[in-house]
């Protein structure tokens, strides 16, 4: 299923992603933010279980902020899994 998540507190503004019925991430695209870093994150998480991504990325901070793009991806995945 395809999802769109509007981030809060990060340079990226939106995350579009797809999770299949088994909870596997098929695609991730960040809008805005640090393009190279976010491309790397998207490539690394592709093929992983969403719960594993949540466990690894949840709570990561960016500088003085209370969140980060990886943390926002974890939040987006957690919300998506609740809907499945």
N, C-alpha and C. Protein backbone atom coordinates (compact mmCIF):
# COMPACT_ATOMS: atom_id res chain seq x y z
N UNK A 1 0.84 -1.16 0.00
CA UNK A 1 0.00 0.00 0.00
C UNK A 1 0.90 1.24 0.00
N UNK A 2 0.47 2.28 -0.67
CA UNK A 2 1.23 3.53 -0.75
C UNK A 2 0.75 4.50 0.32
N UNK A 3 1.72 5.20 0.90
CA UNK A 3 1.43 6.16 1.97
C UNK A 3 2.17 7.47 1.70
N UNK A 4 1.60 8.55 2.21
CA UNK A 4 2.26 9.85 2.22
C UNK A 4 2.23 10.36 3.65
N UNK A 5 3.39 10.81 4.12
CA UNK A 5 3.50 11.34 5.47
C UNK A 5 4.12 12.73 5.38
N UNK A 6 3.48 13.70 6.02
CA UNK A 6 3.99 15.07 6.06
C UNK A 6 4.79 15.24 7.33
N UNK A 7 6.08 15.46 7.16
CA UNK A 7 7.00 15.51 8.29
C UNK A 7 6.82 16.77 9.13
N UNK A 8 7.33 16.70 10.34
CA UNK A 8 7.28 17.82 11.27
C UNK A 8 8.66 18.01 11.88
N UNK A 9 9.17 19.23 11.82
CA UNK A 9 10.43 19.55 12.47
C UNK A 9 11.68 19.16 11.72
N UNK A 10 11.57 18.88 10.41
CA UNK A 10 12.74 18.50 9.62
C UNK A 10 12.81 19.32 8.34
N UNK A 11 13.96 19.26 7.68
CA UNK A 11 14.13 19.96 6.40
C UNK A 11 13.30 19.33 5.30
N UNK A 12 13.14 18.02 5.34
CA UNK A 12 12.26 17.38 4.36
C UNK A 12 10.82 17.69 4.77
N UNK A 13 9.94 17.77 3.80
CA UNK A 13 8.55 18.14 4.08
C UNK A 13 7.57 16.98 3.94
N UNK A 14 7.99 15.94 3.23
CA UNK A 14 7.07 14.85 2.92
C UNK A 14 7.86 13.58 2.65
N UNK A 15 7.26 12.44 3.03
CA UNK A 15 7.83 11.14 2.71
C UNK A 15 6.74 10.32 2.03
N UNK A 16 7.02 9.84 0.83
CA UNK A 16 6.13 8.92 0.13
C UNK A 16 6.78 7.54 0.20
N UNK A 17 5.99 6.53 0.56
CA UNK A 17 6.57 5.19 0.67
C UNK A 17 5.51 4.13 0.42
N UNK A 18 5.99 2.92 0.19
CA UNK A 18 5.12 1.78 -0.08
C UNK A 18 5.54 0.60 0.78
N UNK A 19 4.56 -0.01 1.44
CA UNK A 19 4.79 -1.20 2.25
C UNK A 19 3.86 -2.29 1.73
N UNK A 20 4.39 -3.50 1.51
CA UNK A 20 3.54 -4.58 1.02
C UNK A 20 2.81 -5.28 2.17
N UNK A 21 2.03 -6.28 1.85
CA UNK A 21 1.19 -6.97 2.84
C UNK A 21 2.00 -7.69 3.93
N UNK A 22 3.26 -8.00 3.64
CA UNK A 22 4.12 -8.66 4.62
C UNK A 22 4.91 -7.66 5.46
N UNK A 23 4.66 -6.36 5.27
CA UNK A 23 5.37 -5.33 6.03
C UNK A 23 6.73 -4.98 5.47
N UNK A 24 6.99 -5.35 4.21
CA UNK A 24 8.28 -5.07 3.56
C UNK A 24 8.18 -3.74 2.82
N UNK A 25 9.21 -2.92 2.97
CA UNK A 25 9.25 -1.62 2.30
C UNK A 25 9.70 -1.80 0.86
N UNK A 26 8.88 -1.32 -0.08
CA UNK A 26 9.22 -1.43 -1.50
C UNK A 26 9.80 -0.16 -2.06
N UNK A 27 9.44 0.99 -1.52
CA UNK A 27 9.91 2.25 -2.07
C UNK A 27 9.81 3.34 -1.01
N UNK A 28 10.77 4.27 -1.02
CA UNK A 28 10.75 5.44 -0.14
C UNK A 28 11.28 6.63 -0.92
N UNK A 29 10.57 7.75 -0.84
CA UNK A 29 11.03 8.98 -1.47
C UNK A 29 10.79 10.14 -0.51
N UNK A 30 11.85 10.90 -0.26
CA UNK A 30 11.75 12.09 0.58
C UNK A 30 11.64 13.31 -0.32
N UNK A 31 10.82 14.28 0.08
CA UNK A 31 10.71 15.55 -0.62
C UNK A 31 11.43 16.60 0.22
N UNK A 32 12.44 17.23 -0.36
CA UNK A 32 13.24 18.21 0.36
C UNK A 32 14.29 17.52 1.21
N UNK A 33 14.99 18.31 1.99
CA UNK A 33 16.01 17.76 2.87
C UNK A 33 17.35 17.57 2.17
N UNK A 34 18.24 16.85 2.80
CA UNK A 34 19.59 16.59 2.29
C UNK A 34 19.52 15.44 1.29
N UNK A 35 19.47 15.79 0.03
CA UNK A 35 19.16 14.82 -1.03
C UNK A 35 20.04 13.57 -0.99
N UNK A 36 21.34 13.74 -0.91
CA UNK A 36 22.23 12.58 -0.93
C UNK A 36 22.02 11.66 0.26
N UNK A 37 21.94 12.23 1.44
CA UNK A 37 21.74 11.43 2.64
C UNK A 37 20.40 10.71 2.60
N UNK A 38 19.36 11.40 2.17
CA UNK A 38 18.03 10.79 2.16
C UNK A 38 17.90 9.74 1.07
N UNK A 39 18.61 9.92 -0.04
CA UNK A 39 18.65 8.87 -1.07
C UNK A 39 19.30 7.62 -0.49
N UNK A 40 20.36 7.83 0.29
CA UNK A 40 21.05 6.70 0.92
C UNK A 40 20.15 5.96 1.89
N UNK A 41 19.44 6.70 2.73
CA UNK A 41 18.51 6.07 3.68
C UNK A 41 17.44 5.29 2.93
N UNK A 42 16.87 5.91 1.89
CA UNK A 42 15.81 5.24 1.11
C UNK A 42 16.32 3.95 0.50
N UNK A 43 17.54 3.96 -0.01
CA UNK A 43 18.12 2.76 -0.63
C UNK A 43 18.38 1.68 0.43
N UNK A 44 18.88 2.09 1.59
CA UNK A 44 19.20 1.12 2.64
C UNK A 44 17.95 0.43 3.21
N UNK A 45 16.85 1.16 3.34
CA UNK A 45 15.66 0.56 3.96
C UNK A 45 14.81 -0.24 2.97
N UNK A 46 15.02 -0.04 1.68
CA UNK A 46 14.25 -0.78 0.68
C UNK A 46 14.52 -2.27 0.85
N UNK A 47 13.46 -3.06 0.97
CA UNK A 47 13.57 -4.50 1.16
C UNK A 47 13.55 -4.92 2.63
N UNK A 48 13.61 -3.96 3.54
CA UNK A 48 13.57 -4.26 4.97
C UNK A 48 12.14 -4.31 5.47
N UNK A 49 11.94 -4.97 6.59
CA UNK A 49 10.64 -4.94 7.25
C UNK A 49 10.46 -3.57 7.90
N UNK A 50 9.27 -3.03 7.80
CA UNK A 50 8.99 -1.71 8.36
C UNK A 50 9.28 -1.67 9.85
N UNK A 51 8.95 -2.72 10.58
CA UNK A 51 9.18 -2.74 12.02
C UNK A 51 10.67 -2.67 12.34
N UNK A 52 11.49 -3.29 11.54
CA UNK A 52 12.94 -3.23 11.74
C UNK A 52 13.46 -1.81 11.53
N UNK A 53 12.93 -1.12 10.53
CA UNK A 53 13.30 0.27 10.28
C UNK A 53 12.88 1.14 11.46
N UNK A 54 11.69 0.92 11.97
CA UNK A 54 11.21 1.67 13.14
C UNK A 54 12.17 1.46 14.31
N UNK A 55 12.51 0.21 14.58
CA UNK A 55 13.39 -0.12 15.71
C UNK A 55 14.77 0.54 15.59
N UNK A 56 15.28 0.64 14.36
CA UNK A 56 16.63 1.18 14.15
C UNK A 56 16.66 2.70 14.09
N UNK A 57 15.63 3.34 13.55
CA UNK A 57 15.69 4.77 13.27
C UNK A 57 14.95 5.65 14.28
N UNK A 58 14.04 5.06 15.03
CA UNK A 58 13.25 5.83 16.00
C UNK A 58 14.16 6.49 17.02
N UNK A 59 13.95 7.77 17.25
CA UNK A 59 14.68 8.49 18.29
C UNK A 59 15.95 9.19 17.83
N UNK A 60 16.34 9.03 16.57
CA UNK A 60 17.53 9.71 16.06
C UNK A 60 17.22 11.21 15.97
N UNK A 61 18.15 12.01 16.42
CA UNK A 61 17.97 13.47 16.40
C UNK A 61 18.93 14.10 15.39
N UNK A 62 18.54 15.25 14.89
CA UNK A 62 19.37 16.03 13.96
C UNK A 62 19.78 17.31 14.68
N UNK A 63 21.03 17.37 15.08
CA UNK A 63 21.52 18.55 15.78
C UNK A 63 20.71 18.85 17.02
N UNK A 64 20.23 20.06 17.14
CA UNK A 64 19.47 20.52 18.31
C UNK A 64 17.99 20.14 18.24
N UNK A 65 17.55 19.60 17.11
CA UNK A 65 16.13 19.27 16.92
C UNK A 65 15.75 18.03 17.73
N UNK A 66 14.48 17.90 18.05
CA UNK A 66 13.98 16.72 18.77
C UNK A 66 13.70 15.56 17.85
N UNK A 67 13.92 15.73 16.56
CA UNK A 67 13.63 14.69 15.57
C UNK A 67 14.65 14.79 14.45
N UNK A 68 14.48 13.96 13.43
CA UNK A 68 15.34 13.95 12.25
C UNK A 68 14.54 13.32 11.12
N UNK A 69 15.09 13.35 9.92
CA UNK A 69 14.41 12.67 8.81
C UNK A 69 14.30 11.17 9.06
N UNK A 70 15.34 10.49 9.56
CA UNK A 70 15.18 9.07 9.87
C UNK A 70 14.12 8.82 10.95
N UNK A 71 14.08 9.67 11.97
CA UNK A 71 13.07 9.54 13.02
C UNK A 71 11.67 9.76 12.44
N UNK A 72 11.53 10.72 11.53
CA UNK A 72 10.23 10.96 10.90
C UNK A 72 9.82 9.78 10.02
N UNK A 73 10.80 9.13 9.38
CA UNK A 73 10.49 7.92 8.60
C UNK A 73 9.97 6.83 9.53
N UNK A 74 10.59 6.66 10.69
CA UNK A 74 10.13 5.67 11.66
C UNK A 74 8.71 5.99 12.11
N UNK A 75 8.42 7.25 12.37
CA UNK A 75 7.07 7.66 12.76
C UNK A 75 6.07 7.36 11.65
N UNK A 76 6.45 7.65 10.42
CA UNK A 76 5.57 7.40 9.27
C UNK A 76 5.28 5.90 9.14
N UNK A 77 6.31 5.08 9.30
CA UNK A 77 6.14 3.63 9.20
C UNK A 77 5.24 3.11 10.32
N UNK A 78 5.43 3.63 11.52
CA UNK A 78 4.60 3.20 12.66
C UNK A 78 3.13 3.52 12.39
N UNK A 79 2.85 4.70 11.89
CA UNK A 79 1.46 5.08 11.57
C UNK A 79 0.90 4.21 10.45
N UNK A 80 1.71 3.90 9.46
CA UNK A 80 1.26 3.07 8.34
C UNK A 80 0.92 1.66 8.82
N UNK A 81 1.76 1.10 9.69
CA UNK A 81 1.50 -0.26 10.18
C UNK A 81 0.21 -0.31 10.99
N UNK A 82 -0.12 0.76 11.69
CA UNK A 82 -1.38 0.80 12.44
C UNK A 82 -2.58 0.73 11.51
N UNK A 83 -2.43 1.25 10.29
CA UNK A 83 -3.52 1.27 9.32
C UNK A 83 -3.68 -0.05 8.58
N UNK A 84 -2.64 -0.87 8.60
CA UNK A 84 -2.70 -2.14 7.84
C UNK A 84 -3.53 -3.19 8.55
